[in-house]
Amino acid sequence: MEVHERKIVDGSVGAFDTPLIHEDFKGLEAYIERHNQYSTWEAHLRKAYLDGKTYGQESVEANLFGNTQERRRFLKKIAIQVPFEPLLWFLYHYVFRLGFLEGRPGLIASQIRRHYISHVRAKMYELRQSEK
């Protein structure tokens, strides 16, 4: 279940003249249900990485000074090993990405992201326990 992976293009790319608007009217319940599946996938991916394997597709190398995707992969490899990662994600979305300017919706969205990461970590714990 590879989700939200980045495309690596060999060649030129174009650009849209107008914004691409994604309007998902399924509601919060559908969003949370979908992210429950994503958190399971992410837990397996992270566990494989921490067990000495790879983190996702090999085509994106972790590099702090590389392109956007390489930098993202580098930071993610560090973040998954920090015990307070859910708090970091909350602060990133609420403070650094200015979620607080959106009022209650920004707070809720930031909290949902924090919970998502907490679920990933809980599922990783469950995976490790099932191996014992």
C-alpha atoms as a PDB file:
ATOM      1  CA  MET A   1       0.000   0.000   0.000  1.00  0.00           C
ATOM      2  CA  GLU A   2       2.308   2.738  -1.198  1.00  0.00           C
ATOM      3  CA  VAL A   3       0.469   5.983  -0.512  1.00  0.00           C
ATOM      4  CA  HIS A   4       1.519   9.540  -1.157  1.00  0.00           C
ATOM      5  CA  GLU A   5       4.868   8.510  -2.531  1.00  0.00           C
ATOM      6  CA  ARG A   6       6.642  11.113  -4.605  1.00  0.00           C
ATOM      7  CA  LYS A   7       7.113  10.651  -8.323  1.00  0.00           C
ATOM      8  CA  ILE A   8      10.597  10.840  -9.725  1.00  0.00           C
ATOM      9  CA  VAL A   9      10.473  12.013 -13.306  1.00  0.00           C
ATOM     10  CA  ASP A  10      13.168  11.389 -15.847  1.00  0.00           C
ATOM     11  CA  GLY A  11      12.624  14.275 -18.232  1.00  0.00           C
ATOM     12  CA  SER A  12      10.738  17.528 -18.317  1.00  0.00           C
ATOM     13  CA  VAL A  13       7.549  18.320 -16.452  1.00  0.00           C
ATOM     14  CA  GLY A  14       4.853  20.879 -17.085  1.00  0.00           C
ATOM     15  CA  ALA A  15       2.832  23.146 -14.842  1.00  0.00           C
ATOM     16  CA  PHE A  16      -0.855  23.921 -14.539  1.00  0.00           C
ATOM     17  CA  ASP A  17      -2.008  27.446 -15.314  1.00  0.00           C
ATOM     18  CA  THR A  18      -4.652  27.261 -12.587  1.00  0.00           C
ATOM     19  CA  PRO A  19      -4.602  25.811  -9.073  1.00  0.00           C
ATOM     20  CA  LEU A  20      -5.473  22.144  -8.669  1.00  0.00           C
ATOM     21  CA  ILE A  21      -8.230  22.121  -6.077  1.00  0.00           C
ATOM     22  CA  HIS A  22      -8.882  18.970  -4.055  1.00  0.00           C
ATOM     23  CA  GLU A  23     -12.318  19.081  -2.489  1.00  0.00           C
ATOM     24  CA  ASP A  24     -13.054  16.039  -0.376  1.00  0.00           C
ATOM     25  CA  PHE A  25     -16.597  16.183   0.928  1.00  0.00           C
ATOM     26  CA  LYS A  26     -16.587  12.759   2.593  1.00  0.00           C
ATOM     27  CA  GLY A  27     -16.243  14.215   6.083  1.00  0.00           C
ATOM     28  CA  LEU A  28     -14.045  13.661   9.075  1.00  0.00           C
ATOM     29  CA  GLU A  29     -15.143  10.055   9.690  1.00  0.00           C
ATOM     30  CA  ALA A  30     -13.957   8.975   6.219  1.00  0.00           C
ATOM     31  CA  TYR A  31     -10.714  10.914   6.676  1.00  0.00           C
ATOM     32  CA  ILE A  32      -9.953   9.230  10.005  1.00  0.00           C
ATOM     33  CA  GLU A  33     -10.875   5.783   8.651  1.00  0.00           C
ATOM     34  CA  ARG A  34      -8.564   6.258   5.651  1.00  0.00           C
ATOM     35  CA  HIS A  35      -5.720   7.450   7.878  1.00  0.00           C
ATOM     36  CA  ASN A  36      -6.192   4.445  10.132  1.00  0.00           C
ATOM     37  CA  GLN A  37      -5.232   2.331   7.107  1.00  0.00           C
ATOM     38  CA  TYR A  38      -2.342   4.669   6.305  1.00  0.00           C
ATOM     39  CA  SER A  39      -1.028   4.427   9.871  1.00  0.00           C
ATOM     40  CA  THR A  40      -0.941   0.633   9.618  1.00  0.00           C
ATOM     41  CA  TRP A  41       1.039   0.863   6.378  1.00  0.00           C
ATOM     42  CA  GLU A  42       3.370   3.460   7.898  1.00  0.00           C
ATOM     43  CA  ALA A  43       3.953   1.316  11.000  1.00  0.00           C
ATOM     44  CA  HIS A  44       5.078  -1.610   8.840  1.00  0.00           C
ATOM     45  CA  LEU A  45       7.295   0.675   6.759  1.00  0.00           C
ATOM     46  CA  ARG A  46       8.939   2.237   9.814  1.00  0.00           C
ATOM     47  CA  LYS A  47       9.423  -1.096  11.535  1.00  0.00           C
ATOM     48  CA  ALA A  48      11.152  -2.482   8.443  1.00  0.00           C
ATOM     49  CA  TYR A  49      13.462   0.539   8.408  1.00  0.00           C
ATOM     50  CA  LEU A  50      14.286   0.251  12.109  1.00  0.00           C
ATOM     51  CA  ASP A  51      14.948  -3.471  11.616  1.00  0.00           C
ATOM     52  CA  GLY A  52      17.759  -2.512   9.243  1.00  0.00           C
ATOM     53  CA  LYS A  53      15.943  -2.574   5.955  1.00  0.00           C
ATOM     54  CA  THR A  54      14.964   0.348   3.720  1.00  0.00           C
ATOM     55  CA  TYR A  55      12.539   3.191   4.297  1.00  0.00           C
ATOM     56  CA  GLY A  56      10.275   3.139   1.289  1.00  0.00           C
ATOM     57  CA  GLN A  57      11.445   3.077  -2.262  1.00  0.00           C
ATOM     58  CA  GLU A  58      15.177   3.125  -2.786  1.00  0.00           C
ATOM     59  CA  SER A  59      14.859   5.778  -5.480  1.00  0.00           C
ATOM     60  CA  VAL A  60      14.649   8.589  -2.905  1.00  0.00           C
ATOM     61  CA  GLU A  61      17.911   8.898  -1.024  1.00  0.00           C
ATOM     62  CA  ALA A  62      18.047  10.586   2.368  1.00  0.00           C
ATOM     63  CA  ASN A  63      20.099  13.764   1.962  1.00  0.00           C
ATOM     64  CA  LEU A  64      19.823  16.899   4.107  1.00  0.00           C
ATOM     65  CA  PHE A  65      21.265  19.034   1.313  1.00  0.00           C
ATOM     66  CA  GLY A  66      19.445  17.326  -1.571  1.00  0.00           C
ATOM     67  CA  ASN A  67      16.171  18.199  -3.265  1.00  0.00           C
ATOM     68  CA  THR A  68      12.876  18.538  -1.398  1.00  0.00           C
ATOM     69  CA  GLN A  69      12.120  14.808  -1.408  1.00  0.00           C
ATOM     70  CA  GLU A  70      15.634  13.808  -0.320  1.00  0.00           C
ATOM     71  CA  ARG A  71      15.523  16.355   2.513  1.00  0.00           C
ATOM     72  CA  ARG A  72      12.085  15.078   3.561  1.00  0.00           C
ATOM     73  CA  ARG A  73      13.344  11.478   3.625  1.00  0.00           C
ATOM     74  CA  PHE A  74      16.375  12.553   5.698  1.00  0.00           C
ATOM     75  CA  LEU A  75      14.255  14.385   8.286  1.00  0.00           C
ATOM     76  CA  LYS A  76      11.731  11.555   8.466  1.00  0.00           C
ATOM     77  CA  LYS A  77      14.470   9.013   9.199  1.00  0.00           C
ATOM     78  CA  ILE A  78      15.478  11.133  12.191  1.00  0.00           C
ATOM     79  CA  ALA A  79      11.937  11.947  13.365  1.00  0.00           C
ATOM     80  CA  ILE A  80      10.832   8.319  13.607  1.00  0.00           C
ATOM     81  CA  GLN A  81      13.516   7.692  16.227  1.00  0.00           C
ATOM     82  CA  VAL A  82      12.616  10.630  18.497  1.00  0.00           C
ATOM     83  CA  PRO A  83      10.384   9.701  21.466  1.00  0.00           C
ATOM     84  CA  PHE A  84       8.346  12.924  21.288  1.00  0.00           C
ATOM     85  CA  GLU A  85       7.657  12.746  17.542  1.00  0.00           C
ATOM     86  CA  PRO A  86       3.860  13.260  17.865  1.00  0.00           C
ATOM     87  CA  LEU A  87       4.496  16.546  19.685  1.00  0.00           C
ATOM     88  CA  LEU A  88       6.987  17.601  17.005  1.00  0.00           C
ATOM     89  CA  TRP A  89       4.388  17.021  14.292  1.00  0.00           C
ATOM     90  CA  PHE A  90       1.793  19.015  16.234  1.00  0.00           C
ATOM     91  CA  LEU A  91       4.194  21.943  16.682  1.00  0.00           C
ATOM     92  CA  TYR A  92       5.268  21.746  13.055  1.00  0.00           C
ATOM     93  CA  HIS A  93       1.692  22.000  11.758  1.00  0.00           C
ATOM     94  CA  TYR A  94       0.248  24.326  14.400  1.00  0.00           C
ATOM     95  CA  VAL A  95       3.167  26.725  14.903  1.00  0.00           C
ATOM     96  CA  PHE A  96       5.594  26.537  11.987  1.00  0.00           C
ATOM     97  CA  ARG A  97       2.953  25.948   9.292  1.00  0.00           C
ATOM     98  CA  LEU A  98       0.807  28.637  10.980  1.00  0.00           C
ATOM     99  CA  GLY A  99      -2.163  26.382  11.737  1.00  0.00           C
ATOM    100  CA  PHE A 100      -2.996  28.628  14.702  1.00  0.00           C
ATOM    101  CA  LEU A 101      -4.031  31.327  12.215  1.00  0.00           C
ATOM    102  CA  GLU A 102      -6.912  29.093  11.106  1.00  0.00           C
ATOM    103  CA  GLY A 103      -8.442  29.050  14.586  1.00  0.00           C
ATOM    104  CA  ARG A 104     -10.242  25.920  15.721  1.00  0.00           C
ATOM    105  CA  PRO A 105      -9.933  24.109  12.330  1.00  0.00           C
ATOM    106  CA  GLY A 106      -6.145  24.590  12.447  1.00  0.00           C
ATOM    107  CA  LEU A 107      -5.996  23.262  15.989  1.00  0.00           C
ATOM    108  CA  ILE A 108      -8.114  20.231  15.096  1.00  0.00           C
ATOM    109  CA  ALA A 109      -6.060  19.458  11.985  1.00  0.00           C
ATOM    110  CA  SER A 110      -2.811  19.709  13.967  1.00  0.00           C
ATOM    111  CA  GLN A 111      -4.190  17.451  16.678  1.00  0.00           C
ATOM    112  CA  ILE A 112      -5.299  14.895  14.091  1.00  0.00           C
ATOM    113  CA  ARG A 113      -1.768  14.815  12.672  1.00  0.00           C
ATOM    114  CA  ARG A 114      -0.359  14.296  16.161  1.00  0.00           C
ATOM    115  CA  HIS A 115      -2.810  11.453  16.784  1.00  0.00           C
ATOM    116  CA  TYR A 116      -1.948   9.875  13.432  1.00  0.00           C
ATOM    117  CA  ILE A 117       1.727   9.688  14.418  1.00  0.00           C
ATOM    118  CA  SER A 118       0.753   8.350  17.856  1.00  0.00           C
ATOM    119  CA  HIS A 119      -1.262   5.611  16.151  1.00  0.00           C
ATOM    120  CA  VAL A 120       1.688   4.714  13.922  1.00  0.00           C
ATOM    121  CA  ARG A 121       3.941   4.386  16.938  1.00  0.00           C
ATOM    122  CA  ALA A 122       1.380   2.328  18.874  1.00  0.00           C
ATOM    123  CA  LYS A 123       1.016  -0.015  15.908  1.00  0.00           C
ATOM    124  CA  MET A 124       4.790  -0.336  15.682  1.00  0.00           C
ATOM    125  CA  TYR A 125       4.810  -1.336  19.356  1.00  0.00           C
ATOM    126  CA  GLU A 126       2.104  -3.892  18.666  1.00  0.00           C
ATOM    127  CA  LEU A 127       4.121  -5.325  15.750  1.00  0.00           C
ATOM    128  CA  ARG A 128       7.195  -5.677  17.969  1.00  0.00           C
ATOM    129  CA  GLN A 129       5.154  -7.341  20.718  1.00  0.00           C
ATOM    130  CA  SER A 130       3.643  -9.846  18.285  1.00  0.00           C
ATOM    131  CA  GLU A 131       7.164 -10.983  17.339  1.00  0.00           C
ATOM    132  CA  LYS A 132       7.932 -11.999  20.912  1.00  0.00           C
END
